[in-house]
N, C-alpha and C. Protein backbone atom coordinates (compact mmCIF):
# COMPACT_ATOMS: atom_id res chain seq x y z
N UNK A 1 0.82 -1.20 0.00
CA UNK A 1 0.00 0.00 0.00
C UNK A 1 0.87 1.26 0.00
N UNK A 2 1.99 1.19 0.70
CA UNK A 2 2.90 2.34 0.74
C UNK A 2 3.43 2.66 -0.65
N UNK A 3 3.73 1.61 -1.43
CA UNK A 3 4.27 1.84 -2.77
C UNK A 3 3.26 2.57 -3.65
N UNK A 4 1.99 2.22 -3.54
CA UNK A 4 0.97 2.92 -4.34
C UNK A 4 0.90 4.39 -3.93
N UNK A 5 0.91 4.63 -2.63
CA UNK A 5 0.88 6.01 -2.14
C UNK A 5 2.09 6.79 -2.66
N UNK A 6 3.27 6.19 -2.59
CA UNK A 6 4.49 6.85 -3.07
C UNK A 6 4.44 7.11 -4.58
N UNK A 7 3.87 6.15 -5.32
CA UNK A 7 3.74 6.35 -6.76
C UNK A 7 2.85 7.56 -7.07
N UNK A 8 1.72 7.63 -6.41
CA UNK A 8 0.81 8.75 -6.65
C UNK A 8 1.42 10.07 -6.18
N UNK A 9 2.19 10.03 -5.11
CA UNK A 9 2.86 11.24 -4.63
C UNK A 9 3.92 11.70 -5.63
N UNK A 10 4.76 10.78 -6.09
CA UNK A 10 5.79 11.12 -7.07
C UNK A 10 5.17 11.62 -8.37
N UNK A 11 4.14 10.93 -8.83
CA UNK A 11 3.48 11.33 -10.07
C UNK A 11 2.74 12.65 -9.90
N UNK A 12 2.21 12.88 -8.70
CA UNK A 12 1.54 14.15 -8.43
C UNK A 12 2.51 15.32 -8.49
N UNK A 13 3.70 15.13 -7.91
CA UNK A 13 4.73 16.18 -7.99
C UNK A 13 5.11 16.42 -9.44
N UNK A 14 5.30 15.33 -10.19
CA UNK A 14 5.65 15.46 -11.61
C UNK A 14 4.54 16.15 -12.39
N UNK A 15 3.28 15.85 -12.07
CA UNK A 15 2.15 16.51 -12.74
C UNK A 15 2.14 18.01 -12.45
N UNK A 16 2.47 18.37 -11.22
CA UNK A 16 2.54 19.80 -10.87
C UNK A 16 3.67 20.49 -11.63
N UNK A 17 4.81 19.82 -11.76
CA UNK A 17 5.92 20.37 -12.54
C UNK A 17 5.50 20.50 -14.00
N UNK A 18 4.84 19.49 -14.53
CA UNK A 18 4.33 19.51 -15.89
C UNK A 18 3.39 20.71 -16.07
N UNK A 19 2.42 20.80 -15.20
CA UNK A 19 1.42 21.87 -15.30
C UNK A 19 2.07 23.25 -15.16
N UNK A 20 2.91 23.43 -14.16
CA UNK A 20 3.53 24.73 -13.92
C UNK A 20 4.50 25.16 -15.01
N UNK A 21 5.28 24.22 -15.52
CA UNK A 21 6.27 24.59 -16.54
C UNK A 21 5.60 24.97 -17.86
N UNK A 22 4.37 24.49 -18.10
CA UNK A 22 3.67 24.86 -19.33
C UNK A 22 3.43 26.35 -19.41
N UNK A 23 3.20 26.99 -18.27
CA UNK A 23 3.01 28.44 -18.27
C UNK A 23 4.27 29.15 -18.75
N UNK A 24 5.42 28.64 -18.33
CA UNK A 24 6.70 29.22 -18.78
C UNK A 24 6.87 29.01 -20.28
N UNK A 25 6.71 27.77 -20.73
CA UNK A 25 6.89 27.47 -22.15
C UNK A 25 5.88 28.21 -23.01
N UNK A 26 4.70 28.46 -22.46
CA UNK A 26 3.65 29.15 -23.20
C UNK A 26 4.05 30.58 -23.58
N UNK A 27 5.02 31.14 -22.85
CA UNK A 27 5.51 32.49 -23.17
C UNK A 27 6.25 32.52 -24.50
N UNK A 28 6.79 31.36 -24.92
CA UNK A 28 7.65 31.32 -26.09
C UNK A 28 7.12 30.46 -27.23
N UNK A 29 6.11 29.64 -26.97
CA UNK A 29 5.67 28.65 -27.96
C UNK A 29 4.16 28.65 -28.12
N UNK A 30 3.72 27.99 -29.17
CA UNK A 30 2.29 27.73 -29.32
C UNK A 30 1.86 26.77 -28.22
N UNK A 31 0.56 26.71 -27.97
CA UNK A 31 0.03 25.90 -26.88
C UNK A 31 0.48 24.45 -26.97
N UNK A 32 0.30 23.80 -28.12
CA UNK A 32 0.63 22.38 -28.22
C UNK A 32 2.12 22.12 -28.01
N UNK A 33 2.98 23.04 -28.44
CA UNK A 33 4.42 22.88 -28.24
C UNK A 33 4.76 23.03 -26.76
N UNK A 34 4.11 23.97 -26.09
CA UNK A 34 4.36 24.15 -24.65
C UNK A 34 3.85 22.94 -23.86
N UNK A 35 2.76 22.31 -24.31
CA UNK A 35 2.26 21.10 -23.65
C UNK A 35 3.29 19.97 -23.79
N UNK A 36 3.86 19.82 -24.97
CA UNK A 36 4.87 18.78 -25.20
C UNK A 36 6.12 19.03 -24.36
N UNK A 37 6.62 20.26 -24.37
CA UNK A 37 7.82 20.59 -23.59
C UNK A 37 7.58 20.38 -22.09
N UNK A 38 6.43 20.80 -21.62
CA UNK A 38 6.09 20.64 -20.20
C UNK A 38 5.96 19.16 -19.85
N UNK A 39 5.45 18.37 -20.76
CA UNK A 39 5.31 16.94 -20.51
C UNK A 39 6.68 16.30 -20.28
N UNK A 40 7.65 16.65 -21.14
CA UNK A 40 8.99 16.07 -20.97
C UNK A 40 9.65 16.54 -19.68
N UNK A 41 9.40 17.77 -19.28
CA UNK A 41 9.93 18.25 -18.02
C UNK A 41 9.36 17.43 -16.86
N UNK A 42 8.05 17.24 -16.86
CA UNK A 42 7.41 16.43 -15.83
C UNK A 42 7.84 14.97 -15.89
N UNK A 43 8.06 14.46 -17.09
CA UNK A 43 8.47 13.07 -17.25
C UNK A 43 9.82 12.81 -16.58
N UNK A 44 10.75 13.72 -16.75
CA UNK A 44 12.06 13.56 -16.13
C UNK A 44 11.96 13.58 -14.60
N UNK A 45 11.13 14.46 -14.09
CA UNK A 45 10.92 14.50 -12.64
C UNK A 45 10.26 13.21 -12.17
N UNK A 46 9.27 12.74 -12.90
CA UNK A 46 8.57 11.50 -12.54
C UNK A 46 9.54 10.31 -12.53
N UNK A 47 10.39 10.22 -13.56
CA UNK A 47 11.34 9.11 -13.61
C UNK A 47 12.28 9.16 -12.41
N UNK A 48 12.84 10.32 -12.15
CA UNK A 48 13.80 10.44 -11.05
C UNK A 48 13.17 10.07 -9.71
N UNK A 49 11.98 10.59 -9.44
CA UNK A 49 11.31 10.30 -8.18
C UNK A 49 10.85 8.85 -8.09
N UNK A 50 10.30 8.32 -9.18
CA UNK A 50 9.83 6.94 -9.17
C UNK A 50 10.98 5.96 -8.99
N UNK A 51 12.06 6.19 -9.69
CA UNK A 51 13.22 5.30 -9.61
C UNK A 51 13.83 5.31 -8.20
N UNK A 52 13.92 6.50 -7.62
CA UNK A 52 14.59 6.63 -6.32
C UNK A 52 13.71 6.22 -5.14
N UNK A 53 12.43 6.62 -5.16
CA UNK A 53 11.59 6.43 -3.98
C UNK A 53 10.53 5.35 -4.10
N UNK A 54 10.01 5.13 -5.29
CA UNK A 54 8.89 4.21 -5.43
C UNK A 54 9.37 2.80 -5.79
N UNK A 55 10.23 2.72 -6.77
CA UNK A 55 10.68 1.43 -7.26
C UNK A 55 12.16 1.21 -6.97
N UNK A 56 12.64 1.68 -5.84
CA UNK A 56 14.06 1.58 -5.50
C UNK A 56 14.52 0.13 -5.37
N UNK A 57 13.61 -0.77 -5.06
CA UNK A 57 13.98 -2.18 -4.92
C UNK A 57 14.02 -2.91 -6.26
N UNK A 58 13.65 -2.23 -7.34
CA UNK A 58 13.64 -2.86 -8.66
C UNK A 58 15.07 -3.09 -9.11
N UNK A 59 15.42 -4.33 -9.31
CA UNK A 59 16.77 -4.68 -9.74
C UNK A 59 16.75 -5.45 -11.06
N UNK A 60 15.66 -5.36 -11.77
CA UNK A 60 15.48 -6.15 -12.98
C UNK A 60 16.22 -5.65 -14.20
N UNK A 61 16.79 -4.45 -14.16
CA UNK A 61 17.45 -3.93 -15.35
C UNK A 61 18.33 -2.75 -14.98
N UNK A 62 19.14 -2.36 -15.93
CA UNK A 62 19.99 -1.19 -15.75
C UNK A 62 19.14 0.07 -15.86
N UNK A 63 19.71 1.17 -15.44
CA UNK A 63 19.02 2.45 -15.55
C UNK A 63 18.70 2.76 -17.01
N UNK A 64 19.61 2.42 -17.92
CA UNK A 64 19.37 2.68 -19.34
C UNK A 64 18.16 1.91 -19.84
N UNK A 65 18.07 0.62 -19.47
CA UNK A 65 16.93 -0.19 -19.92
C UNK A 65 15.63 0.32 -19.30
N UNK A 66 15.68 0.63 -18.00
CA UNK A 66 14.48 1.12 -17.33
C UNK A 66 14.04 2.46 -17.91
N UNK A 67 15.00 3.35 -18.13
CA UNK A 67 14.66 4.66 -18.71
C UNK A 67 14.09 4.50 -20.11
N UNK A 68 14.59 3.53 -20.87
CA UNK A 68 14.05 3.28 -22.21
C UNK A 68 12.59 2.86 -22.14
N UNK A 69 12.28 1.91 -21.24
CA UNK A 69 10.90 1.47 -21.09
C UNK A 69 10.03 2.61 -20.54
N UNK A 70 10.57 3.37 -19.60
CA UNK A 70 9.84 4.50 -19.03
C UNK A 70 9.51 5.51 -20.14
N UNK A 71 10.47 5.77 -21.01
CA UNK A 71 10.26 6.72 -22.11
C UNK A 71 9.22 6.20 -23.09
N UNK A 72 9.24 4.91 -23.37
CA UNK A 72 8.24 4.32 -24.26
C UNK A 72 6.83 4.54 -23.71
N UNK A 73 6.65 4.25 -22.42
CA UNK A 73 5.34 4.48 -21.78
C UNK A 73 5.01 5.97 -21.79
N UNK A 74 6.03 6.79 -21.52
CA UNK A 74 5.81 8.24 -21.48
C UNK A 74 5.39 8.79 -22.84
N UNK A 75 5.89 8.21 -23.91
CA UNK A 75 5.49 8.67 -25.24
C UNK A 75 3.99 8.43 -25.48
N UNK A 76 3.49 7.31 -24.98
CA UNK A 76 2.05 7.07 -25.03
C UNK A 76 1.33 8.17 -24.23
N UNK A 77 1.82 8.43 -23.03
CA UNK A 77 1.24 9.49 -22.20
C UNK A 77 1.32 10.85 -22.86
N UNK A 78 2.43 11.10 -23.56
CA UNK A 78 2.59 12.38 -24.28
C UNK A 78 1.52 12.53 -25.35
N UNK A 79 1.29 11.46 -26.09
CA UNK A 79 0.25 11.51 -27.12
C UNK A 79 -1.11 11.78 -26.53
N UNK A 80 -1.42 11.09 -25.45
CA UNK A 80 -2.71 11.28 -24.77
C UNK A 80 -2.82 12.71 -24.24
N UNK A 81 -1.78 13.18 -23.56
CA UNK A 81 -1.81 14.54 -23.01
C UNK A 81 -2.01 15.58 -24.09
N UNK A 82 -1.25 15.46 -25.16
CA UNK A 82 -1.30 16.47 -26.23
C UNK A 82 -2.65 16.47 -26.93
N UNK A 83 -3.12 15.29 -27.32
CA UNK A 83 -4.40 15.22 -28.05
C UNK A 83 -5.55 15.71 -27.16
N UNK A 84 -5.62 15.21 -25.93
CA UNK A 84 -6.72 15.62 -25.05
C UNK A 84 -6.63 17.13 -24.76
N UNK A 85 -5.44 17.64 -24.52
CA UNK A 85 -5.29 19.08 -24.22
C UNK A 85 -5.72 19.95 -25.39
N UNK A 86 -5.25 19.62 -26.59
CA UNK A 86 -5.58 20.43 -27.77
C UNK A 86 -7.07 20.34 -28.11
N UNK A 87 -7.63 19.13 -28.07
CA UNK A 87 -9.06 18.97 -28.37
C UNK A 87 -9.90 19.67 -27.29
N UNK A 88 -9.51 19.51 -26.03
CA UNK A 88 -10.26 20.17 -24.95
C UNK A 88 -10.19 21.68 -25.09
N UNK A 89 -9.03 22.22 -25.44
CA UNK A 89 -8.92 23.67 -25.61
C UNK A 89 -9.83 24.14 -26.74
N UNK A 90 -9.83 23.41 -27.82
CA UNK A 90 -10.70 23.76 -28.94
C UNK A 90 -12.17 23.74 -28.52
N UNK A 91 -12.56 22.73 -27.77
CA UNK A 91 -13.95 22.63 -27.30
C UNK A 91 -14.28 23.74 -26.30
N UNK A 92 -13.35 24.02 -25.40
CA UNK A 92 -13.59 25.07 -24.40
C UNK A 92 -13.69 26.45 -25.05
N UNK A 93 -12.87 26.70 -26.04
CA UNK A 93 -12.94 27.99 -26.75
C UNK A 93 -14.28 28.16 -27.45
N UNK A 94 -14.79 27.08 -28.01
CA UNK A 94 -16.01 27.17 -28.79
C UNK A 94 -17.29 27.16 -27.98
N UNK A 95 -17.25 26.66 -26.76
CA UNK A 95 -18.50 26.47 -26.01
C UNK A 95 -18.60 27.29 -24.73
N UNK A 96 -17.49 27.67 -24.18
CA UNK A 96 -17.52 28.43 -22.93
C UNK A 96 -16.83 29.78 -23.12
N UNK A 97 -17.32 30.75 -22.43
CA UNK A 97 -16.72 32.08 -22.50
C UNK A 97 -15.66 32.22 -21.40
N UNK A 98 -14.58 31.46 -21.55
CA UNK A 98 -13.50 31.52 -20.57
C UNK A 98 -12.36 32.39 -21.10
N UNK A 99 -11.65 33.03 -20.20
CA UNK A 99 -10.45 33.75 -20.59
C UNK A 99 -9.45 32.73 -21.14
N UNK A 100 -8.67 33.13 -22.10
CA UNK A 100 -7.73 32.21 -22.75
C UNK A 100 -6.80 31.49 -21.76
N UNK A 101 -6.18 32.18 -20.81
CA UNK A 101 -5.31 31.46 -19.87
C UNK A 101 -6.06 30.42 -19.04
N UNK A 102 -7.30 30.71 -18.69
CA UNK A 102 -8.11 29.75 -17.92
C UNK A 102 -8.46 28.55 -18.78
N UNK A 103 -8.84 28.78 -20.02
CA UNK A 103 -9.17 27.68 -20.94
C UNK A 103 -7.95 26.80 -21.17
N UNK A 104 -6.78 27.40 -21.35
CA UNK A 104 -5.55 26.62 -21.54
C UNK A 104 -5.22 25.81 -20.30
N UNK A 105 -5.34 26.41 -19.14
CA UNK A 105 -5.03 25.70 -17.89
C UNK A 105 -5.99 24.51 -17.70
N UNK A 106 -7.26 24.73 -17.93
CA UNK A 106 -8.25 23.66 -17.78
C UNK A 106 -8.02 22.55 -18.79
N UNK A 107 -7.76 22.91 -20.03
CA UNK A 107 -7.50 21.91 -21.07
C UNK A 107 -6.26 21.09 -20.73
N UNK A 108 -5.22 21.75 -20.25
CA UNK A 108 -3.99 21.05 -19.90
C UNK A 108 -4.22 20.12 -18.71
N UNK A 109 -5.00 20.54 -17.74
CA UNK A 109 -5.34 19.67 -16.60
C UNK A 109 -6.07 18.41 -17.06
N UNK A 110 -6.99 18.58 -18.00
CA UNK A 110 -7.71 17.42 -18.53
C UNK A 110 -6.76 16.45 -19.24
N UNK A 111 -5.82 17.01 -19.98
CA UNK A 111 -4.83 16.18 -20.67
C UNK A 111 -3.93 15.44 -19.70
N UNK A 112 -3.45 16.13 -18.68
CA UNK A 112 -2.58 15.50 -17.68
C UNK A 112 -3.33 14.41 -16.94
N UNK A 113 -4.55 14.69 -16.54
CA UNK A 113 -5.33 13.71 -15.79
C UNK A 113 -5.61 12.45 -16.58
N UNK A 114 -5.93 12.61 -17.84
CA UNK A 114 -6.20 11.45 -18.69
C UNK A 114 -4.93 10.61 -18.89
N UNK A 115 -3.82 11.27 -19.13
CA UNK A 115 -2.56 10.56 -19.33
C UNK A 115 -2.05 9.91 -18.05
N UNK A 116 -2.42 10.46 -16.91
CA UNK A 116 -1.99 9.92 -15.62
C UNK A 116 -2.42 8.46 -15.50
N UNK A 117 -3.65 8.18 -15.88
CA UNK A 117 -4.18 6.81 -15.79
C UNK A 117 -3.43 5.89 -16.76
N UNK A 118 -3.26 6.33 -17.99
CA UNK A 118 -2.56 5.50 -18.99
C UNK A 118 -1.12 5.25 -18.57
N UNK A 119 -0.46 6.26 -18.04
CA UNK A 119 0.94 6.11 -17.62
C UNK A 119 1.07 5.18 -16.42
N UNK A 120 0.15 5.31 -15.47
CA UNK A 120 0.18 4.42 -14.30
C UNK A 120 0.14 2.97 -14.75
N UNK A 121 -0.78 2.65 -15.63
CA UNK A 121 -0.91 1.27 -16.11
C UNK A 121 0.34 0.82 -16.87
N UNK A 122 0.87 1.69 -17.69
CA UNK A 122 2.06 1.35 -18.46
C UNK A 122 3.28 1.12 -17.58
N UNK A 123 3.50 1.99 -16.61
CA UNK A 123 4.65 1.83 -15.73
C UNK A 123 4.48 0.61 -14.83
N UNK A 124 3.26 0.36 -14.42
CA UNK A 124 2.99 -0.80 -13.57
C UNK A 124 3.28 -2.11 -14.29
N UNK A 125 2.81 -2.23 -15.53
CA UNK A 125 2.89 -3.51 -16.23
C UNK A 125 4.06 -3.62 -17.21
N UNK A 126 4.82 -2.55 -17.43
CA UNK A 126 5.94 -2.63 -18.35
C UNK A 126 7.24 -2.13 -17.72
N UNK A 127 7.26 -0.88 -17.34
CA UNK A 127 8.51 -0.27 -16.90
C UNK A 127 9.12 -0.96 -15.69
N UNK A 128 8.34 -1.10 -14.65
CA UNK A 128 8.84 -1.67 -13.40
C UNK A 128 8.14 -2.99 -13.08
N UNK A 129 7.98 -3.81 -14.06
CA UNK A 129 7.16 -5.00 -13.91
C UNK A 129 7.69 -6.00 -12.88
N UNK A 130 8.98 -6.21 -12.80
CA UNK A 130 9.52 -7.26 -11.94
C UNK A 130 9.18 -7.05 -10.46
N UNK A 131 9.29 -5.82 -9.97
CA UNK A 131 8.98 -5.57 -8.57
C UNK A 131 8.09 -4.36 -8.41
N UNK A 132 7.46 -3.96 -9.48
CA UNK A 132 6.64 -2.76 -9.44
C UNK A 132 5.33 -2.95 -8.70
N UNK A 133 4.44 -2.07 -8.90
CA UNK A 133 3.16 -2.06 -8.21
C UNK A 133 2.38 -3.33 -8.50
N UNK A 134 2.63 -3.97 -9.63
CA UNK A 134 1.89 -5.19 -9.96
C UNK A 134 2.08 -6.26 -8.90
N UNK A 135 3.20 -6.27 -8.19
CA UNK A 135 3.39 -7.23 -7.10
C UNK A 135 2.36 -7.00 -6.00
N UNK A 136 2.03 -5.76 -5.75
CA UNK A 136 1.05 -5.45 -4.72
C UNK A 136 -0.31 -6.05 -5.08
N UNK A 137 -0.71 -5.92 -6.33
CA UNK A 137 -2.00 -6.41 -6.77
C UNK A 137 -2.08 -7.93 -6.75
N UNK A 138 -0.97 -8.61 -6.94
CA UNK A 138 -0.95 -10.07 -6.95
C UNK A 138 -1.10 -10.65 -5.54
N UNK A 139 -0.83 -9.88 -4.52
CA UNK A 139 -0.94 -10.36 -3.14
C UNK A 139 -2.37 -10.57 -2.70
N UNK A 140 -3.26 -9.66 -3.14
CA UNK A 140 -4.60 -9.59 -2.61
C UNK A 140 -5.55 -10.59 -3.08
């Protein structure tokens, strides 16, 4: 149970970094580019925290192999985040009278939240499979 809590804590910190850094990138880029850049910033934070605190007992592979699998899962999450964020922004612009920064923030939150679920499943069953969260589920 502790491992699940730590995973959500690490991923939550990474999601906040993702969300916050998008505002910075938005100063220099189009919305979709800032979403992509922010995603990679959050991904690096998520990997570092997950590797050190959540899956520290994982000895199934080298850092290079684990980072490769983590990146593969993250690319799926990147696609989900980007598509959901851009589509949500388009829908919010067309249907609600929100200020542009509010619409962008809300759309990005929807993208991050949707990708959070996909990434959790991917990291659980691929990245850290040998001793990852899947071990917890097999006990019960």
